[in-house]
Amino acid sequence: MSVVIAIRGSNGAGKTTVARRVMDATEKDFVKKVKASNGVLLNVYKKYVIIGSYDRVCGGADTVKTPQLVWDAVVEAAEFTNVLYEGALVGSVFEPVVVLNARLKQLGAKFIPVCLNPTLEECIANVNTRRAADGKPPLPDPKNIETNYKKHISSAKKLHAIGLEPHWVSSDEAVPIILKELGYE
Protein backbone atom coordinates (compact mmCIF):
# COMPACT_ATOMS: atom_id res chain seq x y z
CA MET A 1 0.00 0.00 0.00
CA SER A 2 1.36 3.40 -0.91
CA VAL A 3 0.97 6.55 1.14
CA VAL A 4 0.22 10.00 -0.23
CA ILE A 5 1.44 12.81 1.96
CA ALA A 6 0.07 16.30 1.41
CA ILE A 7 2.02 19.10 3.08
CA ARG A 8 -0.67 21.68 3.71
CA GLY A 9 -0.63 25.28 4.89
CA SER A 10 -1.25 28.84 3.87
CA ASN A 11 1.14 31.06 1.93
CA GLY A 12 4.37 31.42 3.89
CA ALA A 13 3.71 28.40 6.15
CA GLY A 14 6.88 26.62 5.01
CA LYS A 15 5.48 23.90 2.75
CA THR A 16 8.23 24.13 0.13
CA THR A 17 10.90 24.41 2.82
CA VAL A 18 9.68 21.18 4.42
CA ALA A 19 9.59 19.42 1.04
CA ARG A 20 13.15 20.55 0.31
CA ARG A 21 14.31 19.28 3.71
CA VAL A 22 12.78 15.87 2.95
CA MET A 23 14.46 15.82 -0.47
CA ASP A 24 17.79 16.83 1.10
CA ALA A 25 17.48 14.06 3.71
CA THR A 26 16.86 11.49 0.97
CA GLU A 27 19.06 12.90 -1.79
CA LYS A 28 21.14 9.70 -1.97
CA ASP A 29 17.93 7.95 -3.08
CA PHE A 30 17.21 10.32 -5.98
CA VAL A 31 16.69 8.34 -9.19
CA LYS A 32 15.53 10.70 -11.96
CA LYS A 33 12.97 13.24 -13.13
CA VAL A 34 10.11 12.01 -15.32
CA LYS A 35 6.75 13.33 -16.41
CA ALA A 36 3.36 11.90 -15.55
CA SER A 37 1.07 11.14 -18.48
CA ASN A 38 -0.43 14.64 -18.11
CA GLY A 39 3.01 16.30 -18.29
CA VAL A 40 3.42 17.04 -14.57
CA LEU A 41 7.02 16.73 -13.39
CA LEU A 42 7.74 13.87 -10.98
CA ASN A 43 10.98 13.76 -9.00
CA VAL A 44 11.54 10.05 -8.50
CA TYR A 45 13.27 8.75 -5.37
CA LYS A 46 13.68 5.10 -4.36
CA LYS A 47 10.79 5.23 -1.87
CA TYR A 48 8.61 8.05 -3.21
CA VAL A 49 7.98 10.67 -5.86
CA ILE A 50 7.50 14.36 -5.21
CA ILE A 51 5.31 16.44 -7.51
CA GLY A 52 6.53 19.54 -9.36
CA SER A 53 9.67 21.54 -9.89
CA TYR A 54 11.89 22.90 -7.15
CA ASP A 55 14.10 25.22 -9.17
CA ARG A 56 12.56 28.43 -7.78
CA VAL A 57 11.53 29.80 -4.39
CA CYS A 58 7.94 28.53 -4.48
CA GLY A 59 8.02 24.98 -5.77
CA GLY A 60 6.01 21.81 -5.95
CA ALA A 61 2.37 22.00 -6.99
CA ASP A 62 2.69 25.77 -7.40
CA THR A 63 4.75 25.06 -10.55
CA VAL A 64 1.87 23.08 -12.09
CA LYS A 65 -0.79 24.86 -14.17
CA THR A 66 -3.87 23.61 -12.28
CA PRO A 67 -4.65 21.76 -9.06
CA GLN A 68 -6.49 19.07 -11.05
CA LEU A 69 -3.29 18.24 -12.93
CA VAL A 70 -1.55 17.84 -9.57
CA TRP A 71 -4.20 15.50 -8.20
CA ASP A 72 -4.28 13.42 -11.39
CA ALA A 73 -0.48 13.04 -11.24
CA VAL A 74 -0.71 12.11 -7.56
CA VAL A 75 -3.18 9.31 -8.32
CA GLU A 76 -1.12 8.05 -11.25
CA ALA A 77 2.07 7.94 -9.18
CA ALA A 78 0.31 6.40 -6.17
CA GLU A 79 -0.41 3.31 -8.26
CA PHE A 80 3.33 2.53 -8.06
CA THR A 81 4.89 4.25 -5.05
CA ASN A 82 4.54 6.73 -2.19
CA VAL A 83 3.83 10.33 -3.14
CA LEU A 84 4.63 13.68 -1.53
CA TYR A 85 3.11 16.94 -2.72
CA GLU A 86 2.68 20.50 -1.51
CA GLY A 87 1.75 23.94 -2.73
CA ALA A 88 -0.36 26.98 -1.90
CA LEU A 89 -2.89 26.14 -4.62
CA VAL A 90 -3.61 22.76 -3.05
CA GLY A 91 -2.71 23.52 0.56
CA SER A 92 -5.96 24.96 1.89
CA VAL A 93 -8.73 23.21 -0.02
CA PHE A 94 -11.13 20.65 1.39
CA GLU A 95 -13.68 19.30 -1.10
CA PRO A 96 -11.18 18.35 -3.83
CA VAL A 97 -9.12 16.47 -1.23
CA VAL A 98 -12.18 14.40 -0.31
CA VAL A 99 -12.47 13.41 -3.99
CA LEU A 100 -8.71 12.72 -4.14
CA ASN A 101 -8.92 10.56 -1.01
CA ALA A 102 -11.75 8.51 -2.57
CA ARG A 103 -9.66 7.95 -5.70
CA LEU A 104 -6.68 6.91 -3.59
CA LYS A 105 -8.77 4.49 -1.52
CA GLN A 106 -9.72 2.70 -4.76
CA LEU A 107 -5.99 2.08 -5.28
CA GLY A 108 -5.46 0.98 -1.69
CA ALA A 109 -3.39 4.10 -1.00
CA LYS A 110 -3.53 6.00 2.28
CA PHE A 111 -3.87 9.81 2.32
CA ILE A 112 -1.90 11.56 5.07
CA PRO A 113 -2.33 15.33 5.51
CA VAL A 114 0.52 17.13 7.26
CA CYS A 115 -0.79 20.56 8.23
CA LEU A 116 1.77 23.20 9.14
CA ASN A 117 0.83 25.44 12.04
CA PRO A 118 2.77 28.72 12.08
CA THR A 119 0.99 31.83 13.27
CA LEU A 120 -0.56 34.21 10.77
CA GLU A 121 2.13 36.74 11.66
CA GLU A 122 4.87 34.20 10.86
CA CYS A 123 3.27 33.46 7.47
CA ILE A 124 3.09 37.16 6.60
CA ALA A 125 6.70 37.67 7.72
CA ASN A 126 7.86 34.69 5.62
CA VAL A 127 6.08 36.00 2.52
CA ASN A 128 7.59 39.47 3.06
CA THR A 129 11.06 37.91 3.47
CA ARG A 130 10.61 36.12 0.12
CA ARG A 131 9.41 39.35 -1.48
CA ALA A 132 12.44 41.25 -0.14
CA ALA A 133 14.76 38.57 -1.57
CA ASP A 134 13.09 39.20 -4.95
CA GLY A 135 13.58 42.97 -4.58
CA LYS A 136 9.87 43.59 -3.93
CA PRO A 137 8.37 45.74 -1.18
CA PRO A 138 6.40 44.20 1.70
CA LEU A 139 2.80 43.25 1.02
CA PRO A 140 0.69 46.40 1.06
CA ASP A 141 -2.30 44.41 2.35
CA PRO A 142 -1.87 40.86 3.68
CA LYS A 143 -5.63 40.19 3.45
CA ASN A 144 -5.14 37.36 0.90
CA ILE A 145 -2.74 35.57 3.25
CA GLU A 146 -5.16 36.01 6.13
CA THR A 147 -8.00 34.58 4.03
CA ASN A 148 -5.84 31.63 2.93
CA TYR A 149 -4.69 31.08 6.54
CA LYS A 150 -8.30 30.88 7.75
CA LYS A 151 -9.20 28.52 4.88
CA HIS A 152 -6.28 26.28 5.85
CA ILE A 153 -7.41 26.01 9.47
CA SER A 154 -11.01 25.40 8.44
CA SER A 155 -9.96 22.74 5.93
CA ALA A 156 -7.75 20.95 8.48
CA LYS A 157 -10.65 20.85 10.95
CA LYS A 158 -12.93 19.40 8.25
CA LEU A 159 -10.32 16.76 7.38
CA HIS A 160 -10.26 15.79 11.04
CA ALA A 161 -14.07 15.67 11.16
CA ILE A 162 -14.20 13.13 8.31
CA GLY A 163 -11.52 10.94 9.85
CA LEU A 164 -8.44 11.91 7.83
CA GLU A 165 -6.61 12.90 11.04
CA PRO A 166 -4.08 15.47 9.89
CA HIS A 167 -0.76 15.84 11.65
CA TRP A 168 -0.93 19.44 12.96
CA VAL A 169 2.75 20.33 13.39
CA SER A 170 5.52 22.88 12.99
CA SER A 171 7.75 22.70 9.94
CA ASP A 172 10.55 21.25 12.12
CA GLU A 173 8.25 18.52 13.43
CA ALA A 174 6.92 17.75 9.94
CA VAL A 175 10.18 16.47 8.42
CA PRO A 176 10.72 13.43 10.69
CA ILE A 177 7.01 12.55 10.49
CA ILE A 178 7.12 12.63 6.69
CA LEU A 179 10.35 10.65 6.52
CA LYS A 180 8.86 7.98 8.79
CA GLU A 181 5.64 7.79 6.74
CA LEU A 182 7.74 7.37 3.59
CA GLY A 183 9.58 4.42 5.15
CA TYR A 184 12.77 6.11 6.34
CA GLU A 185 13.70 5.31 9.93
C-alpha atoms as a PDB file:
ATOM      1  CA  MET A   1       0.000   0.000   0.000  1.00  0.00           C
ATOM      2  CA  SER A   2       1.361   3.399  -0.911  1.00  0.00           C
ATOM      3  CA  VAL A   3       0.967   6.552   1.142  1.00  0.00           C
ATOM      4  CA  VAL A   4       0.219   9.995  -0.232  1.00  0.00           C
ATOM      5  CA  ILE A   5       1.442  12.813   1.963  1.00  0.00           C
ATOM      6  CA  ALA A   6       0.073  16.300   1.414  1.00  0.00           C
ATOM      7  CA  ILE A   7       2.017  19.102   3.079  1.00  0.00           C
ATOM      8  CA  ARG A   8      -0.673  21.683   3.710  1.00  0.00           C
ATOM      9  CA  GLY A   9      -0.625  25.276   4.889  1.00  0.00           C
ATOM     10  CA  SER A  10      -1.254  28.837   3.868  1.00  0.00           C
ATOM     11  CA  ASN A  11       1.140  31.059   1.934  1.00  0.00           C
ATOM     12  CA  GLY A  12       4.375  31.419   3.889  1.00  0.00           C
ATOM     13  CA  ALA A  13       3.713  28.403   6.146  1.00  0.00           C
ATOM     14  CA  GLY A  14       6.876  26.623   5.014  1.00  0.00           C
ATOM     15  CA  LYS A  15       5.481  23.898   2.746  1.00  0.00           C
ATOM     16  CA  THR A  16       8.231  24.134   0.128  1.00  0.00           C
ATOM     17  CA  THR A  17      10.899  24.414   2.815  1.00  0.00           C
ATOM     18  CA  VAL A  18       9.676  21.182   4.423  1.00  0.00           C
ATOM     19  CA  ALA A  19       9.591  19.423   1.037  1.00  0.00           C
ATOM     20  CA  ARG A  20      13.150  20.554   0.311  1.00  0.00           C
ATOM     21  CA  ARG A  21      14.310  19.282   3.708  1.00  0.00           C
ATOM     22  CA  VAL A  22      12.776  15.872   2.953  1.00  0.00           C
ATOM     23  CA  MET A  23      14.455  15.825  -0.466  1.00  0.00           C
ATOM     24  CA  ASP A  24      17.787  16.832   1.103  1.00  0.00           C
ATOM     25  CA  ALA A  25      17.477  14.064   3.709  1.00  0.00           C
ATOM     26  CA  THR A  26      16.857  11.490   0.971  1.00  0.00           C
ATOM     27  CA  GLU A  27      19.064  12.902  -1.793  1.00  0.00           C
ATOM     28  CA  LYS A  28      21.144   9.704  -1.965  1.00  0.00           C
ATOM     29  CA  ASP A  29      17.930   7.949  -3.075  1.00  0.00           C
ATOM     30  CA  PHE A  30      17.205  10.316  -5.976  1.00  0.00           C
ATOM     31  CA  VAL A  31      16.689   8.344  -9.194  1.00  0.00           C
ATOM     32  CA  LYS A  32      15.526  10.705 -11.963  1.00  0.00           C
ATOM     33  CA  LYS A  33      12.973  13.240 -13.135  1.00  0.00           C
ATOM     34  CA  VAL A  34      10.111  12.011 -15.320  1.00  0.00           C
ATOM     35  CA  LYS A  35       6.746  13.327 -16.413  1.00  0.00           C
ATOM     36  CA  ALA A  36       3.361  11.897 -15.545  1.00  0.00           C
ATOM     37  CA  SER A  37       1.074  11.139 -18.479  1.00  0.00           C
ATOM     38  CA  ASN A  38      -0.433  14.642 -18.109  1.00  0.00           C
ATOM     39  CA  GLY A  39       3.007  16.303 -18.290  1.00  0.00           C
ATOM     40  CA  VAL A  40       3.421  17.036 -14.573  1.00  0.00           C
ATOM     41  CA  LEU A  41       7.025  16.730 -13.387  1.00  0.00           C
ATOM     42  CA  LEU A  42       7.735  13.875 -10.976  1.00  0.00           C
ATOM     43  CA  ASN A  43      10.978  13.765  -9.001  1.00  0.00           C
ATOM     44  CA  VAL A  44      11.538  10.047  -8.495  1.00  0.00           C
ATOM     45  CA  TYR A  45      13.270   8.746  -5.374  1.00  0.00           C
ATOM     46  CA  LYS A  46      13.677   5.104  -4.361  1.00  0.00           C
ATOM     47  CA  LYS A  47      10.793   5.235  -1.875  1.00  0.00           C
ATOM     48  CA  TYR A  48       8.614   8.053  -3.213  1.00  0.00           C
ATOM     49  CA  VAL A  49       7.978  10.671  -5.856  1.00  0.00           C
ATOM     50  CA  ILE A  50       7.497  14.364  -5.213  1.00  0.00           C
ATOM     51  CA  ILE A  51       5.313  16.436  -7.510  1.00  0.00           C
ATOM     52  CA  GLY A  52       6.533  19.539  -9.355  1.00  0.00           C
ATOM     53  CA  SER A  53       9.670  21.544  -9.894  1.00  0.00           C
ATOM     54  CA  TYR A  54      11.892  22.904  -7.147  1.00  0.00           C
ATOM     55  CA  ASP A  55      14.102  25.224  -9.174  1.00  0.00           C
ATOM     56  CA  ARG A  56      12.559  28.429  -7.782  1.00  0.00           C
ATOM     57  CA  VAL A  57      11.528  29.799  -4.385  1.00  0.00           C
ATOM     58  CA  CYS A  58       7.940  28.526  -4.477  1.00  0.00           C
ATOM     59  CA  GLY A  59       8.021  24.984  -5.768  1.00  0.00           C
ATOM     60  CA  GLY A  60       6.005  21.813  -5.946  1.00  0.00           C
ATOM     61  CA  ALA A  61       2.374  22.000  -6.993  1.00  0.00           C
ATOM     62  CA  ASP A  62       2.692  25.770  -7.402  1.00  0.00           C
ATOM     63  CA  THR A  63       4.752  25.062 -10.550  1.00  0.00           C
ATOM     64  CA  VAL A  64       1.874  23.075 -12.093  1.00  0.00           C
ATOM     65  CA  LYS A  65      -0.792  24.856 -14.170  1.00  0.00           C
ATOM     66  CA  THR A  66      -3.869  23.615 -12.280  1.00  0.00           C
ATOM     67  CA  PRO A  67      -4.652  21.762  -9.063  1.00  0.00           C
ATOM     68  CA  GLN A  68      -6.487  19.073 -11.047  1.00  0.00           C
ATOM     69  CA  LEU A  69      -3.287  18.245 -12.932  1.00  0.00           C
ATOM     70  CA  VAL A  70      -1.547  17.842  -9.573  1.00  0.00           C
ATOM     71  CA  TRP A  71      -4.204  15.497  -8.197  1.00  0.00           C
ATOM     72  CA  ASP A  72      -4.280  13.420 -11.387  1.00  0.00           C
ATOM     73  CA  ALA A  73      -0.482  13.044 -11.244  1.00  0.00           C
ATOM     74  CA  VAL A  74      -0.710  12.105  -7.558  1.00  0.00           C
ATOM     75  CA  VAL A  75      -3.177   9.306  -8.322  1.00  0.00           C
ATOM     76  CA  GLU A  76      -1.119   8.054 -11.255  1.00  0.00           C
ATOM     77  CA  ALA A  77       2.072   7.940  -9.184  1.00  0.00           C
ATOM     78  CA  ALA A  78       0.308   6.399  -6.169  1.00  0.00           C
ATOM     79  CA  GLU A  79      -0.410   3.312  -8.256  1.00  0.00           C
ATOM     80  CA  PHE A  80       3.327   2.533  -8.059  1.00  0.00           C
ATOM     81  CA  THR A  81       4.895   4.249  -5.052  1.00  0.00           C
ATOM     82  CA  ASN A  82       4.540   6.727  -2.194  1.00  0.00           C
ATOM     83  CA  VAL A  83       3.831  10.334  -3.136  1.00  0.00           C
ATOM     84  CA  LEU A  84       4.629  13.682  -1.530  1.00  0.00           C
ATOM     85  CA  TYR A  85       3.114  16.945  -2.720  1.00  0.00           C
ATOM     86  CA  GLU A  86       2.677  20.502  -1.509  1.00  0.00           C
ATOM     87  CA  GLY A  87       1.750  23.942  -2.730  1.00  0.00           C
ATOM     88  CA  ALA A  88      -0.359  26.978  -1.896  1.00  0.00           C
ATOM     89  CA  LEU A  89      -2.892  26.139  -4.619  1.00  0.00           C
ATOM     90  CA  VAL A  90      -3.606  22.756  -3.053  1.00  0.00           C
ATOM     91  CA  GLY A  91      -2.713  23.521   0.563  1.00  0.00           C
ATOM     92  CA  SER A  92      -5.960  24.958   1.893  1.00  0.00           C
ATOM     93  CA  VAL A  93      -8.730  23.207  -0.022  1.00  0.00           C
ATOM     94  CA  PHE A  94     -11.133  20.646   1.389  1.00  0.00           C
ATOM     95  CA  GLU A  95     -13.682  19.305  -1.102  1.00  0.00           C
ATOM     96  CA  PRO A  96     -11.179  18.346  -3.831  1.00  0.00           C
ATOM     97  CA  VAL A  97      -9.123  16.472  -1.231  1.00  0.00           C
ATOM     98  CA  VAL A  98     -12.177  14.398  -0.308  1.00  0.00           C
ATOM     99  CA  VAL A  99     -12.467  13.408  -3.986  1.00  0.00           C
ATOM    100  CA  LEU A 100      -8.712  12.719  -4.136  1.00  0.00           C
ATOM    101  CA  ASN A 101      -8.923  10.563  -1.013  1.00  0.00           C
ATOM    102  CA  ALA A 102     -11.751   8.507  -2.567  1.00  0.00           C
ATOM    103  CA  ARG A 103      -9.663   7.954  -5.704  1.00  0.00           C
ATOM    104  CA  LEU A 104      -6.677   6.914  -3.588  1.00  0.00           C
ATOM    105  CA  LYS A 105      -8.770   4.488  -1.522  1.00  0.00           C
ATOM    106  CA  GLN A 106      -9.717   2.700  -4.757  1.00  0.00           C
ATOM    107  CA  LEU A 107      -5.989   2.081  -5.278  1.00  0.00           C
ATOM    108  CA  GLY A 108      -5.460   0.978  -1.687  1.00  0.00           C
ATOM    109  CA  ALA A 109      -3.392   4.102  -0.999  1.00  0.00           C
ATOM    110  CA  LYS A 110      -3.532   6.002   2.283  1.00  0.00           C
ATOM    111  CA  PHE A 111      -3.869   9.808   2.319  1.00  0.00           C
ATOM    112  CA  ILE A 112      -1.895  11.562   5.074  1.00  0.00           C
ATOM    113  CA  PRO A 113      -2.328  15.326   5.512  1.00  0.00           C
ATOM    114  CA  VAL A 114       0.519  17.131   7.258  1.00  0.00           C
ATOM    115  CA  CYS A 115      -0.788  20.557   8.229  1.00  0.00           C
ATOM    116  CA  LEU A 116       1.775  23.198   9.141  1.00  0.00           C
ATOM    117  CA  ASN A 117       0.827  25.443  12.035  1.00  0.00           C
ATOM    118  CA  PRO A 118       2.770  28.719  12.083  1.00  0.00           C
ATOM    119  CA  THR A 119       0.991  31.829  13.270  1.00  0.00           C
ATOM    120  CA  LEU A 120      -0.557  34.212  10.769  1.00  0.00           C
ATOM    121  CA  GLU A 121       2.135  36.744  11.660  1.00  0.00           C
ATOM    122  CA  GLU A 122       4.870  34.203  10.857  1.00  0.00           C
ATOM    123  CA  CYS A 123       3.265  33.461   7.472  1.00  0.00           C
ATOM    124  CA  ILE A 124       3.091  37.161   6.596  1.00  0.00           C
ATOM    125  CA  ALA A 125       6.705  37.670   7.716  1.00  0.00           C
ATOM    126  CA  ASN A 126       7.858  34.692   5.620  1.00  0.00           C
ATOM    127  CA  VAL A 127       6.080  35.998   2.521  1.00  0.00           C
ATOM    128  CA  ASN A 128       7.595  39.466   3.058  1.00  0.00           C
ATOM    129  CA  THR A 129      11.061  37.909   3.474  1.00  0.00           C
ATOM    130  CA  ARG A 130      10.609  36.118   0.119  1.00  0.00           C
ATOM    131  CA  ARG A 131       9.413  39.354  -1.475  1.00  0.00           C
ATOM    132  CA  ALA A 132      12.445  41.247  -0.138  1.00  0.00           C
ATOM    133  CA  ALA A 133      14.763  38.572  -1.567  1.00  0.00           C
ATOM    134  CA  ASP A 134      13.094  39.203  -4.947  1.00  0.00           C
ATOM    135  CA  GLY A 135      13.583  42.969  -4.576  1.00  0.00           C
ATOM    136  CA  LYS A 136       9.871  43.586  -3.935  1.00  0.00           C
ATOM    137  CA  PRO A 137       8.370  45.739  -1.184  1.00  0.00           C
ATOM    138  CA  PRO A 138       6.399  44.200   1.699  1.00  0.00           C
ATOM    139  CA  LEU A 139       2.804  43.254   1.016  1.00  0.00           C
ATOM    140  CA  PRO A 140       0.685  46.401   1.058  1.00  0.00           C
ATOM    141  CA  ASP A 141      -2.296  44.410   2.352  1.00  0.00           C
ATOM    142  CA  PRO A 142      -1.874  40.864   3.679  1.00  0.00           C
ATOM    143  CA  LYS A 143      -5.630  40.189   3.447  1.00  0.00           C
ATOM    144  CA  ASN A 144      -5.135  37.358   0.901  1.00  0.00           C
ATOM    145  CA  ILE A 145      -2.736  35.572   3.246  1.00  0.00           C
ATOM    146  CA  GLU A 146      -5.155  36.014   6.130  1.00  0.00           C
ATOM    147  CA  THR A 147      -7.995  34.579   4.033  1.00  0.00           C
ATOM    148  CA  ASN A 148      -5.845  31.632   2.935  1.00  0.00           C
ATOM    149  CA  TYR A 149      -4.695  31.083   6.537  1.00  0.00           C
ATOM    150  CA  LYS A 150      -8.299  30.880   7.747  1.00  0.00           C
ATOM    151  CA  LYS A 151      -9.198  28.519   4.879  1.00  0.00           C
ATOM    152  CA  HIS A 152      -6.282  26.283   5.850  1.00  0.00           C
ATOM    153  CA  ILE A 153      -7.415  26.015   9.470  1.00  0.00           C
ATOM    154  CA  SER A 154     -11.015  25.395   8.444  1.00  0.00           C
ATOM    155  CA  SER A 155      -9.959  22.742   5.927  1.00  0.00           C
ATOM    156  CA  ALA A 156      -7.753  20.955   8.481  1.00  0.00           C
ATOM    157  CA  LYS A 157     -10.651  20.848  10.948  1.00  0.00           C
ATOM    158  CA  LYS A 158     -12.928  19.404   8.246  1.00  0.00           C
ATOM    159  CA  LEU A 159     -10.322  16.764   7.382  1.00  0.00           C
ATOM    160  CA  HIS A 160     -10.258  15.788  11.043  1.00  0.00           C
ATOM    161  CA  ALA A 161     -14.073  15.673  11.157  1.00  0.00           C
ATOM    162  CA  ILE A 162     -14.202  13.134   8.306  1.00  0.00           C
ATOM    163  CA  GLY A 163     -11.516  10.937   9.853  1.00  0.00           C
ATOM    164  CA  LEU A 164      -8.441  11.911   7.831  1.00  0.00           C
ATOM    165  CA  GLU A 165      -6.613  12.898  11.036  1.00  0.00           C
ATOM    166  CA  PRO A 166      -4.078  15.467   9.890  1.00  0.00           C
ATOM    167  CA  HIS A 167      -0.762  15.842  11.652  1.00  0.00           C
ATOM    168  CA  TRP A 168      -0.927  19.442  12.962  1.00  0.00           C
ATOM    169  CA  VAL A 169       2.751  20.331  13.391  1.00  0.00           C
ATOM    170  CA  SER A 170       5.518  22.878  12.991  1.00  0.00           C
ATOM    171  CA  SER A 171       7.754  22.697   9.940  1.00  0.00           C
ATOM    172  CA  ASP A 172      10.549  21.248  12.121  1.00  0.00           C
ATOM    173  CA  GLU A 173       8.252  18.518  13.433  1.00  0.00           C
ATOM    174  CA  ALA A 174       6.923  17.749   9.940  1.00  0.00           C
ATOM    175  CA  VAL A 175      10.177  16.469   8.424  1.00  0.00           C
ATOM    176  CA  PRO A 176      10.724  13.432  10.692  1.00  0.00           C
ATOM    177  CA  ILE A 177       7.013  12.550  10.493  1.00  0.00           C
ATOM    178  CA  ILE A 178       7.117  12.631   6.688  1.00  0.00           C
ATOM    179  CA  LEU A 179      10.345  10.646   6.521  1.00  0.00           C
ATOM    180  CA  LYS A 180       8.856   7.978   8.795  1.00  0.00           C
ATOM    181  CA  GLU A 181       5.640   7.786   6.743  1.00  0.00           C
ATOM    182  CA  LEU A 182       7.743   7.370   3.592  1.00  0.00           C
ATOM    183  CA  GLY A 183       9.575   4.423   5.149  1.00  0.00           C
ATOM    184  CA  TYR A 184      12.773   6.108   6.335  1.00  0.00           C
ATOM    185  CA  GLU A 185      13.703   5.311   9.932  1.00  0.00           C
END
